[in-house]
N, C-alpha and C. Protein backbone atom coordinates (compact mmCIF):
# COMPACT_ATOMS: atom_id res chain seq x y z
N MET A 1 41.04 23.97 -3.16
CA MET A 1 40.45 22.65 -2.94
C MET A 1 41.30 21.93 -1.89
N SER A 2 40.63 21.34 -0.91
CA SER A 2 41.37 20.65 0.13
C SER A 2 41.75 19.26 -0.32
N ASP A 3 42.75 18.69 0.36
CA ASP A 3 43.22 17.34 0.04
C ASP A 3 42.14 16.30 0.32
N LYS A 4 41.20 16.63 1.22
CA LYS A 4 40.14 15.69 1.56
C LYS A 4 39.22 15.41 0.37
N ASN A 5 39.07 16.39 -0.53
CA ASN A 5 38.18 16.25 -1.67
C ASN A 5 38.85 15.64 -2.89
N LYS A 6 40.14 15.36 -2.84
CA LYS A 6 40.85 14.76 -3.96
C LYS A 6 40.94 13.26 -3.76
N SER A 7 40.87 12.54 -4.86
CA SER A 7 41.00 11.09 -4.77
C SER A 7 42.48 10.73 -4.72
N ALA A 8 42.76 9.44 -4.60
CA ALA A 8 44.14 8.96 -4.55
C ALA A 8 44.88 9.32 -5.82
N SER A 9 44.20 9.33 -6.97
CA SER A 9 44.88 9.66 -8.23
C SER A 9 45.08 11.15 -8.39
N GLY A 10 44.38 11.95 -7.57
CA GLY A 10 44.59 13.38 -7.57
C GLY A 10 43.78 14.15 -8.59
N ASN A 11 43.08 13.48 -9.49
CA ASN A 11 42.36 14.24 -10.52
C ASN A 11 40.85 14.06 -10.48
N ILE A 12 40.33 13.37 -9.50
CA ILE A 12 38.88 13.20 -9.38
C ILE A 12 38.44 13.95 -8.13
N VAL A 13 37.45 14.82 -8.32
CA VAL A 13 36.93 15.61 -7.22
C VAL A 13 35.62 14.98 -6.74
N GLN A 14 35.53 14.78 -5.45
CA GLN A 14 34.32 14.25 -4.85
C GLN A 14 33.25 15.32 -4.91
N LEU A 15 32.13 15.06 -5.57
CA LEU A 15 31.08 16.05 -5.73
C LEU A 15 30.34 16.33 -4.43
N ARG A 16 30.19 15.33 -3.60
CA ARG A 16 29.50 15.49 -2.33
C ARG A 16 30.43 15.12 -1.21
N PRO A 17 30.89 16.11 -0.46
CA PRO A 17 31.79 15.79 0.64
C PRO A 17 31.16 14.78 1.59
N SER A 18 31.99 13.94 2.17
CA SER A 18 31.49 12.88 3.05
C SER A 18 30.76 13.42 4.27
N LYS A 19 31.06 14.64 4.69
CA LYS A 19 30.41 15.22 5.85
C LYS A 19 28.95 15.60 5.58
N ALA A 20 28.64 15.86 4.32
CA ALA A 20 27.28 16.30 3.99
C ALA A 20 26.31 15.14 4.20
N GLY A 21 25.31 15.37 5.02
CA GLY A 21 24.30 14.33 5.25
C GLY A 21 23.12 14.54 4.34
N ARG A 22 22.50 13.48 3.94
CA ARG A 22 21.30 13.61 3.11
C ARG A 22 20.12 13.96 4.00
N ALA A 23 19.22 14.73 3.44
CA ALA A 23 18.06 15.18 4.21
C ALA A 23 17.25 14.00 4.73
N SER A 24 17.07 12.98 3.90
CA SER A 24 16.28 11.83 4.34
C SER A 24 16.97 11.08 5.47
N GLU A 25 18.30 11.03 5.43
CA GLU A 25 19.03 10.37 6.51
C GLU A 25 18.88 11.17 7.80
N LYS A 26 18.84 12.48 7.67
CA LYS A 26 18.66 13.32 8.85
C LYS A 26 17.27 13.12 9.46
N LYS A 27 16.27 12.95 8.60
CA LYS A 27 14.91 12.76 9.10
C LYS A 27 14.70 11.37 9.68
N TRP A 28 15.09 10.35 8.92
CA TRP A 28 14.74 8.97 9.26
C TRP A 28 15.85 8.18 9.92
N GLY A 29 17.08 8.63 9.75
CA GLY A 29 18.23 7.89 10.27
C GLY A 29 18.89 7.08 9.16
N LYS A 30 20.21 7.02 9.19
CA LYS A 30 20.97 6.33 8.15
C LYS A 30 20.63 4.85 8.09
N GLN A 31 20.54 4.19 9.23
CA GLN A 31 20.25 2.76 9.25
C GLN A 31 18.90 2.45 8.59
N VAL A 32 17.91 3.30 8.85
CA VAL A 32 16.59 3.10 8.26
C VAL A 32 16.68 3.30 6.75
N MET A 33 17.33 4.35 6.30
CA MET A 33 17.42 4.65 4.87
C MET A 33 18.29 3.63 4.13
N ASP A 34 19.26 3.05 4.82
CA ASP A 34 20.10 2.03 4.19
C ASP A 34 19.31 0.78 3.78
N LEU A 35 18.14 0.58 4.38
CA LEU A 35 17.31 -0.56 4.02
C LEU A 35 16.50 -0.31 2.75
N GLY A 36 16.60 0.90 2.21
CA GLY A 36 15.94 1.23 0.95
C GLY A 36 14.84 2.26 1.14
N PHE A 37 14.42 2.81 0.03
CA PHE A 37 13.35 3.80 0.03
C PHE A 37 12.64 3.75 -1.31
N CYS A 38 11.49 4.34 -1.37
CA CYS A 38 10.64 4.32 -2.57
C CYS A 38 10.24 5.76 -2.89
N ILE A 39 10.44 6.15 -4.13
CA ILE A 39 10.04 7.50 -4.54
C ILE A 39 8.64 7.41 -5.14
N VAL A 40 7.72 8.11 -4.52
CA VAL A 40 6.34 8.14 -4.97
C VAL A 40 5.92 9.61 -5.02
N PRO A 41 5.27 10.02 -6.11
CA PRO A 41 4.85 11.43 -6.17
C PRO A 41 3.78 11.73 -5.11
N SER A 42 3.91 12.87 -4.48
CA SER A 42 2.93 13.29 -3.47
C SER A 42 1.53 13.37 -4.07
N LEU A 43 1.45 13.63 -5.36
CA LEU A 43 0.15 13.72 -6.01
C LEU A 43 -0.64 12.43 -5.86
N LEU A 44 0.03 11.30 -5.83
CA LEU A 44 -0.67 10.02 -5.62
C LEU A 44 -1.41 10.03 -4.28
N LEU A 45 -0.77 10.56 -3.25
CA LEU A 45 -1.40 10.61 -1.94
C LEU A 45 -2.48 11.69 -1.88
N ARG A 46 -2.20 12.84 -2.47
CA ARG A 46 -3.16 13.94 -2.44
C ARG A 46 -4.40 13.65 -3.28
N ALA A 47 -4.23 12.86 -4.34
CA ALA A 47 -5.34 12.57 -5.26
C ALA A 47 -6.00 11.22 -4.97
N GLN A 48 -5.73 10.63 -3.84
CA GLN A 48 -6.28 9.32 -3.51
C GLN A 48 -7.80 9.28 -3.72
N GLN A 49 -8.50 10.25 -3.19
CA GLN A 49 -9.96 10.28 -3.32
C GLN A 49 -10.38 10.48 -4.77
N ARG A 50 -9.69 11.38 -5.47
CA ARG A 50 -10.03 11.64 -6.87
C ARG A 50 -9.82 10.40 -7.73
N LEU A 51 -8.85 9.59 -7.37
CA LEU A 51 -8.58 8.35 -8.10
C LEU A 51 -9.53 7.23 -7.69
N GLY A 52 -10.31 7.46 -6.63
CA GLY A 52 -11.27 6.48 -6.15
C GLY A 52 -10.61 5.31 -5.43
N LEU A 53 -9.49 5.58 -4.76
CA LEU A 53 -8.74 4.52 -4.08
C LEU A 53 -9.12 4.44 -2.61
N ASN A 54 -9.48 3.24 -2.17
CA ASN A 54 -9.67 3.06 -0.74
C ASN A 54 -8.28 2.84 -0.11
N PRO A 55 -8.16 2.89 1.21
CA PRO A 55 -6.84 2.78 1.84
C PRO A 55 -6.07 1.51 1.47
N THR A 56 -6.76 0.39 1.33
CA THR A 56 -6.05 -0.85 1.01
C THR A 56 -5.58 -0.85 -0.44
N GLN A 57 -6.38 -0.31 -1.34
CA GLN A 57 -5.95 -0.21 -2.74
C GLN A 57 -4.70 0.68 -2.83
N LEU A 58 -4.71 1.78 -2.09
CA LEU A 58 -3.53 2.65 -2.08
C LEU A 58 -2.33 1.91 -1.52
N ALA A 59 -2.52 1.12 -0.47
CA ALA A 59 -1.42 0.35 0.11
C ALA A 59 -0.86 -0.65 -0.90
N VAL A 60 -1.74 -1.29 -1.66
CA VAL A 60 -1.28 -2.23 -2.69
C VAL A 60 -0.46 -1.49 -3.75
N LEU A 61 -0.95 -0.33 -4.18
CA LEU A 61 -0.20 0.47 -5.16
C LEU A 61 1.16 0.89 -4.60
N MET A 62 1.19 1.29 -3.35
CA MET A 62 2.46 1.70 -2.73
C MET A 62 3.44 0.52 -2.70
N GLN A 63 2.93 -0.68 -2.41
CA GLN A 63 3.79 -1.86 -2.42
C GLN A 63 4.34 -2.11 -3.83
N LEU A 64 3.49 -2.00 -4.84
CA LEU A 64 3.96 -2.19 -6.22
C LEU A 64 5.01 -1.14 -6.58
N CYS A 65 4.79 0.09 -6.14
CA CYS A 65 5.76 1.16 -6.40
C CYS A 65 7.11 0.86 -5.76
N ASP A 66 7.08 0.21 -4.61
CA ASP A 66 8.33 -0.12 -3.92
C ASP A 66 9.19 -1.09 -4.73
N PHE A 67 8.59 -1.80 -5.67
CA PHE A 67 9.32 -2.73 -6.52
C PHE A 67 9.65 -2.14 -7.89
N TRP A 68 9.23 -0.92 -8.16
CA TRP A 68 9.42 -0.31 -9.48
C TRP A 68 10.61 0.64 -9.42
N TRP A 69 11.78 0.13 -9.78
CA TRP A 69 13.01 0.90 -9.66
C TRP A 69 13.40 1.59 -10.96
N GLU A 70 13.06 1.00 -12.09
CA GLU A 70 13.43 1.57 -13.39
C GLU A 70 12.20 1.57 -14.29
N ASP A 71 12.07 2.61 -15.10
CA ASP A 71 10.91 2.74 -15.96
C ASP A 71 10.73 1.52 -16.87
N ALA A 72 11.80 1.07 -17.47
CA ALA A 72 11.72 -0.03 -18.43
C ALA A 72 11.52 -1.39 -17.76
N ARG A 73 11.79 -1.48 -16.48
CA ARG A 73 11.67 -2.76 -15.77
C ARG A 73 10.50 -2.67 -14.80
N LYS A 74 9.37 -3.18 -15.23
CA LYS A 74 8.14 -3.08 -14.44
C LYS A 74 8.23 -3.98 -13.20
N PRO A 75 7.51 -3.61 -12.14
CA PRO A 75 7.55 -4.42 -10.91
C PRO A 75 6.93 -5.79 -11.12
N HIS A 76 7.46 -6.78 -10.42
CA HIS A 76 6.94 -8.14 -10.54
C HIS A 76 7.00 -8.92 -9.23
N PRO A 77 6.48 -8.33 -8.14
CA PRO A 77 6.47 -9.09 -6.88
C PRO A 77 5.41 -10.18 -6.93
N GLY A 78 5.64 -11.25 -6.20
CA GLY A 78 4.65 -12.32 -6.10
C GLY A 78 3.51 -11.94 -5.18
N LYS A 79 2.37 -12.52 -5.41
CA LYS A 79 1.20 -12.24 -4.56
C LYS A 79 1.45 -12.66 -3.12
N LYS A 80 2.21 -13.72 -2.93
CA LYS A 80 2.51 -14.19 -1.58
C LYS A 80 3.29 -13.13 -0.80
N LEU A 81 4.31 -12.54 -1.45
CA LEU A 81 5.10 -11.50 -0.80
C LEU A 81 4.24 -10.27 -0.51
N LEU A 82 3.42 -9.86 -1.47
CA LEU A 82 2.54 -8.71 -1.24
C LEU A 82 1.59 -9.00 -0.09
N ALA A 83 1.05 -10.20 -0.05
CA ALA A 83 0.13 -10.58 1.03
C ALA A 83 0.81 -10.51 2.39
N GLU A 84 2.05 -11.00 2.47
CA GLU A 84 2.80 -10.96 3.73
C GLU A 84 3.04 -9.52 4.17
N ARG A 85 3.45 -8.68 3.24
CA ARG A 85 3.73 -7.28 3.57
C ARG A 85 2.48 -6.54 4.02
N LEU A 86 1.34 -6.85 3.41
CA LEU A 86 0.10 -6.12 3.68
C LEU A 86 -0.76 -6.74 4.78
N GLY A 87 -0.41 -7.95 5.21
CA GLY A 87 -1.22 -8.62 6.20
C GLY A 87 -2.56 -9.07 5.64
N LEU A 88 -2.57 -9.44 4.37
CA LEU A 88 -3.77 -9.89 3.68
C LEU A 88 -3.55 -11.31 3.18
N SER A 89 -4.62 -11.95 2.74
CA SER A 89 -4.46 -13.26 2.09
C SER A 89 -4.07 -13.02 0.63
N GLU A 90 -3.51 -14.04 0.01
CA GLU A 90 -3.15 -13.92 -1.41
C GLU A 90 -4.40 -13.64 -2.25
N ARG A 91 -5.51 -14.24 -1.88
CA ARG A 91 -6.75 -14.03 -2.62
C ARG A 91 -7.21 -12.58 -2.52
N GLN A 92 -7.06 -11.98 -1.32
CA GLN A 92 -7.43 -10.57 -1.15
C GLN A 92 -6.55 -9.69 -2.03
N VAL A 93 -5.26 -10.00 -2.07
CA VAL A 93 -4.34 -9.24 -2.92
C VAL A 93 -4.79 -9.34 -4.38
N GLN A 94 -5.14 -10.55 -4.82
CA GLN A 94 -5.63 -10.74 -6.19
C GLN A 94 -6.85 -9.86 -6.45
N ARG A 95 -7.77 -9.84 -5.51
CA ARG A 95 -8.99 -9.03 -5.68
C ARG A 95 -8.66 -7.54 -5.78
N TYR A 96 -7.79 -7.06 -4.89
CA TYR A 96 -7.44 -5.64 -4.94
C TYR A 96 -6.72 -5.28 -6.23
N ILE A 97 -5.85 -6.15 -6.69
CA ILE A 97 -5.16 -5.88 -7.95
C ILE A 97 -6.17 -5.90 -9.10
N ALA A 98 -7.13 -6.81 -9.06
CA ALA A 98 -8.17 -6.85 -10.09
C ALA A 98 -8.98 -5.55 -10.09
N GLU A 99 -9.27 -5.02 -8.89
CA GLU A 99 -10.00 -3.74 -8.81
C GLU A 99 -9.17 -2.61 -9.41
N LEU A 100 -7.87 -2.60 -9.11
CA LEU A 100 -6.99 -1.57 -9.66
C LEU A 100 -6.89 -1.71 -11.17
N GLU A 101 -6.91 -2.95 -11.62
CA GLU A 101 -6.86 -3.21 -13.07
C GLU A 101 -8.16 -2.73 -13.73
N GLN A 102 -9.29 -3.01 -13.10
CA GLN A 102 -10.58 -2.59 -13.63
C GLN A 102 -10.68 -1.06 -13.68
N ALA A 103 -10.05 -0.40 -12.72
CA ALA A 103 -10.04 1.07 -12.68
C ALA A 103 -9.07 1.66 -13.70
N GLY A 104 -8.30 0.81 -14.35
CA GLY A 104 -7.37 1.28 -15.38
C GLY A 104 -6.05 1.80 -14.83
N LEU A 105 -5.75 1.51 -13.57
CA LEU A 105 -4.53 2.01 -12.95
C LEU A 105 -3.37 1.03 -13.06
N VAL A 106 -3.68 -0.25 -13.16
CA VAL A 106 -2.67 -1.31 -13.20
C VAL A 106 -3.04 -2.28 -14.31
N GLU A 107 -2.03 -2.81 -14.96
CA GLU A 107 -2.27 -3.88 -15.93
C GLU A 107 -1.37 -5.05 -15.57
N ARG A 108 -2.00 -6.21 -15.37
CA ARG A 108 -1.24 -7.43 -15.10
C ARG A 108 -0.74 -8.01 -16.41
N VAL A 109 0.51 -8.38 -16.42
CA VAL A 109 1.10 -9.01 -17.60
C VAL A 109 1.72 -10.32 -17.14
N GLU A 110 1.22 -11.43 -17.69
CA GLU A 110 1.74 -12.74 -17.30
C GLU A 110 3.16 -12.91 -17.84
N ARG A 111 3.99 -13.59 -17.04
CA ARG A 111 5.37 -13.89 -17.45
C ARG A 111 5.57 -15.39 -17.42
N TYR A 112 6.35 -15.86 -18.39
CA TYR A 112 6.66 -17.29 -18.47
C TYR A 112 8.17 -17.46 -18.61
N ALA A 113 8.69 -18.49 -17.97
CA ALA A 113 10.11 -18.82 -18.06
C ALA A 113 10.38 -19.45 -19.43
N ALA A 114 11.64 -19.55 -19.78
CA ALA A 114 12.04 -20.12 -21.07
C ALA A 114 11.51 -21.53 -21.25
N HIS A 115 11.40 -22.29 -20.16
CA HIS A 115 10.90 -23.67 -20.23
C HIS A 115 9.38 -23.73 -20.22
N GLY A 116 8.71 -22.56 -20.20
CA GLY A 116 7.25 -22.52 -20.27
C GLY A 116 6.55 -22.42 -18.93
N GLY A 117 7.30 -22.50 -17.84
CA GLY A 117 6.70 -22.38 -16.51
C GLY A 117 6.25 -20.96 -16.20
N LYS A 118 5.22 -20.85 -15.39
CA LYS A 118 4.68 -19.55 -15.02
C LYS A 118 5.58 -18.86 -14.00
N MET A 119 5.77 -17.56 -14.20
CA MET A 119 6.53 -16.73 -13.26
C MET A 119 5.56 -15.70 -12.66
N THR A 120 6.05 -14.89 -11.74
CA THR A 120 5.19 -13.84 -11.16
C THR A 120 4.76 -12.87 -12.26
N ASN A 121 3.58 -12.31 -12.09
CA ASN A 121 3.09 -11.32 -13.04
C ASN A 121 3.94 -10.06 -12.97
N THR A 122 3.98 -9.36 -14.08
CA THR A 122 4.55 -8.02 -14.13
C THR A 122 3.37 -7.07 -14.00
N TYR A 123 3.56 -5.95 -13.32
CA TYR A 123 2.49 -4.98 -13.13
C TYR A 123 2.89 -3.67 -13.81
N ASP A 124 2.12 -3.32 -14.82
CA ASP A 124 2.36 -2.09 -15.57
C ASP A 124 1.53 -0.99 -14.92
N LEU A 125 2.19 0.04 -14.44
CA LEU A 125 1.52 1.14 -13.75
C LEU A 125 1.32 2.36 -14.64
N SER A 126 1.42 2.18 -15.96
CA SER A 126 1.31 3.33 -16.86
C SER A 126 -0.09 3.95 -16.81
N GLY A 127 -1.12 3.18 -16.49
CA GLY A 127 -2.46 3.75 -16.33
C GLY A 127 -2.50 4.73 -15.16
N LEU A 128 -1.87 4.36 -14.06
CA LEU A 128 -1.78 5.24 -12.89
C LEU A 128 -1.01 6.51 -13.25
N VAL A 129 0.11 6.33 -13.94
CA VAL A 129 0.93 7.48 -14.34
C VAL A 129 0.11 8.42 -15.22
N ALA A 130 -0.62 7.88 -16.18
CA ALA A 130 -1.44 8.70 -17.08
C ALA A 130 -2.52 9.46 -16.32
N ARG A 131 -3.15 8.80 -15.36
CA ARG A 131 -4.20 9.47 -14.57
C ARG A 131 -3.61 10.60 -13.73
N LEU A 132 -2.43 10.37 -13.14
CA LEU A 132 -1.80 11.43 -12.34
C LEU A 132 -1.41 12.60 -13.23
N LYS A 133 -0.91 12.32 -14.42
CA LYS A 133 -0.54 13.40 -15.35
C LYS A 133 -1.77 14.20 -15.76
N LYS A 134 -2.90 13.54 -15.88
CA LYS A 134 -4.14 14.22 -16.25
C LYS A 134 -4.64 15.11 -15.10
N LEU A 135 -4.47 14.67 -13.86
CA LEU A 135 -4.91 15.44 -12.69
C LEU A 135 -3.95 16.57 -12.33
N GLU A 136 -2.71 16.43 -12.73
CA GLU A 136 -1.66 17.37 -12.32
C GLU A 136 -2.01 18.84 -12.58
N PRO A 137 -2.54 19.23 -13.76
CA PRO A 137 -2.82 20.66 -13.97
C PRO A 137 -3.80 21.25 -12.96
N GLU A 138 -4.81 20.49 -12.56
CA GLU A 138 -5.76 20.99 -11.57
C GLU A 138 -5.08 21.23 -10.22
N PHE A 139 -4.28 20.27 -9.79
CA PHE A 139 -3.57 20.40 -8.52
C PHE A 139 -2.53 21.52 -8.59
N ARG A 140 -1.86 21.65 -9.74
CA ARG A 140 -0.86 22.71 -9.91
C ARG A 140 -1.52 24.08 -9.81
N LYS A 141 -2.69 24.24 -10.44
CA LYS A 141 -3.39 25.52 -10.41
C LYS A 141 -3.72 25.93 -8.98
N VAL A 142 -4.21 24.97 -8.20
CA VAL A 142 -4.54 25.26 -6.80
C VAL A 142 -3.27 25.65 -6.04
N GLU A 143 -2.17 24.93 -6.26
CA GLU A 143 -0.90 25.26 -5.59
C GLU A 143 -0.45 26.67 -5.95
N GLU A 144 -0.56 27.04 -7.22
CA GLU A 144 -0.14 28.38 -7.65
C GLU A 144 -1.03 29.45 -7.03
N ASN A 145 -2.34 29.18 -6.96
CA ASN A 145 -3.25 30.14 -6.33
C ASN A 145 -2.91 30.33 -4.86
N VAL A 146 -2.58 29.26 -4.18
CA VAL A 146 -2.21 29.35 -2.76
C VAL A 146 -0.94 30.19 -2.61
N LYS A 147 0.05 29.96 -3.48
CA LYS A 147 1.30 30.75 -3.42
C LYS A 147 1.00 32.23 -3.63
N THR A 148 0.16 32.54 -4.60
CA THR A 148 -0.19 33.93 -4.89
C THR A 148 -0.87 34.56 -3.69
N GLU A 149 -1.82 33.86 -3.09
CA GLU A 149 -2.51 34.37 -1.90
C GLU A 149 -1.55 34.57 -0.74
N ARG A 150 -0.62 33.63 -0.56
CA ARG A 150 0.36 33.73 0.53
C ARG A 150 1.22 34.98 0.36
N LYS A 151 1.64 35.25 -0.88
CA LYS A 151 2.44 36.45 -1.14
C LYS A 151 1.62 37.70 -0.88
N ALA A 152 0.37 37.71 -1.34
CA ALA A 152 -0.49 38.88 -1.19
C ALA A 152 -0.77 39.19 0.28
N VAL A 153 -1.06 38.19 1.07
CA VAL A 153 -1.40 38.41 2.47
C VAL A 153 -0.21 38.95 3.26
N ALA A 154 1.00 38.71 2.80
CA ALA A 154 2.19 39.18 3.50
C ALA A 154 2.48 40.65 3.22
N LYS A 155 1.86 41.22 2.19
CA LYS A 155 2.14 42.61 1.82
C LYS A 155 1.32 43.58 2.66
N ARG A 156 1.91 44.75 2.90
CA ARG A 156 1.25 45.82 3.63
C ARG A 156 0.00 46.26 2.86
N GLY A 157 -1.07 46.49 3.58
CA GLY A 157 -2.30 46.97 2.96
C GLY A 157 -3.17 45.87 2.38
N TYR A 158 -2.87 44.62 2.70
CA TYR A 158 -3.67 43.50 2.18
C TYR A 158 -5.10 43.59 2.67
N LYS A 159 -6.02 43.40 1.76
CA LYS A 159 -7.43 43.34 2.12
C LYS A 159 -7.97 42.05 1.54
N PRO A 160 -8.55 41.22 2.41
CA PRO A 160 -9.11 39.94 1.90
C PRO A 160 -10.20 40.19 0.88
N LYS A 161 -10.25 39.29 -0.08
CA LYS A 161 -11.31 39.38 -1.10
C LYS A 161 -12.64 39.10 -0.43
N ARG A 162 -13.63 39.89 -0.81
CA ARG A 162 -14.97 39.67 -0.26
C ARG A 162 -15.63 38.51 -0.98
N LYS A 163 -16.24 37.65 -0.20
CA LYS A 163 -17.01 36.56 -0.78
C LYS A 163 -18.44 37.05 -0.94
N PRO A 164 -19.06 36.72 -2.06
CA PRO A 164 -20.46 37.15 -2.23
C PRO A 164 -21.33 36.58 -1.12
N SER A 165 -22.18 37.42 -0.57
CA SER A 165 -23.04 36.94 0.52
C SER A 165 -24.14 36.07 -0.06
N ALA A 166 -24.60 35.15 0.74
CA ALA A 166 -25.64 34.20 0.31
C ALA A 166 -27.01 34.86 0.22
N THR A 167 -27.19 36.00 0.92
CA THR A 167 -28.49 36.66 0.93
C THR A 167 -28.62 37.70 -0.16
N ALA A 168 -27.52 38.08 -0.80
CA ALA A 168 -27.59 39.10 -1.86
C ALA A 168 -28.30 38.56 -3.08
N ASN A 169 -29.15 39.43 -3.70
CA ASN A 169 -29.88 39.01 -4.90
C ASN A 169 -29.24 39.56 -6.13
């Protein structure tokens, strides 16, 4: 072990050497990544049509996801902030959130301060999570079939499967 990996006390080993760059920093740049990032499952993007999401509804969901850092702490951005980020009016944001709520993907939960004043709503995305979990097996099966086909086509002697002809009786 080199001295570079030891701490000042000598008994703590740095798990990730400082020279190692993160893949996302290599792709996007450190300065860009330092401003934050949002982890969203690719299935949300791939299943957009299956979920019945138009592009703006997806954008609203992505914005809500950007505020959801911990499972137990649901996102609670204000409509004004969402409207500014999306280039929409606050009323449009309300309508899109209502559509997402009607689709069962989002649940608005009102919040009140200790003195009784209204705070920004909390947005529960468990409906979206449940829908993605329900769709996952179908998407997984297709992914596995593609992997199997990819392996087969690489082998010597591969013969493509014949598709039944439309004229055959």
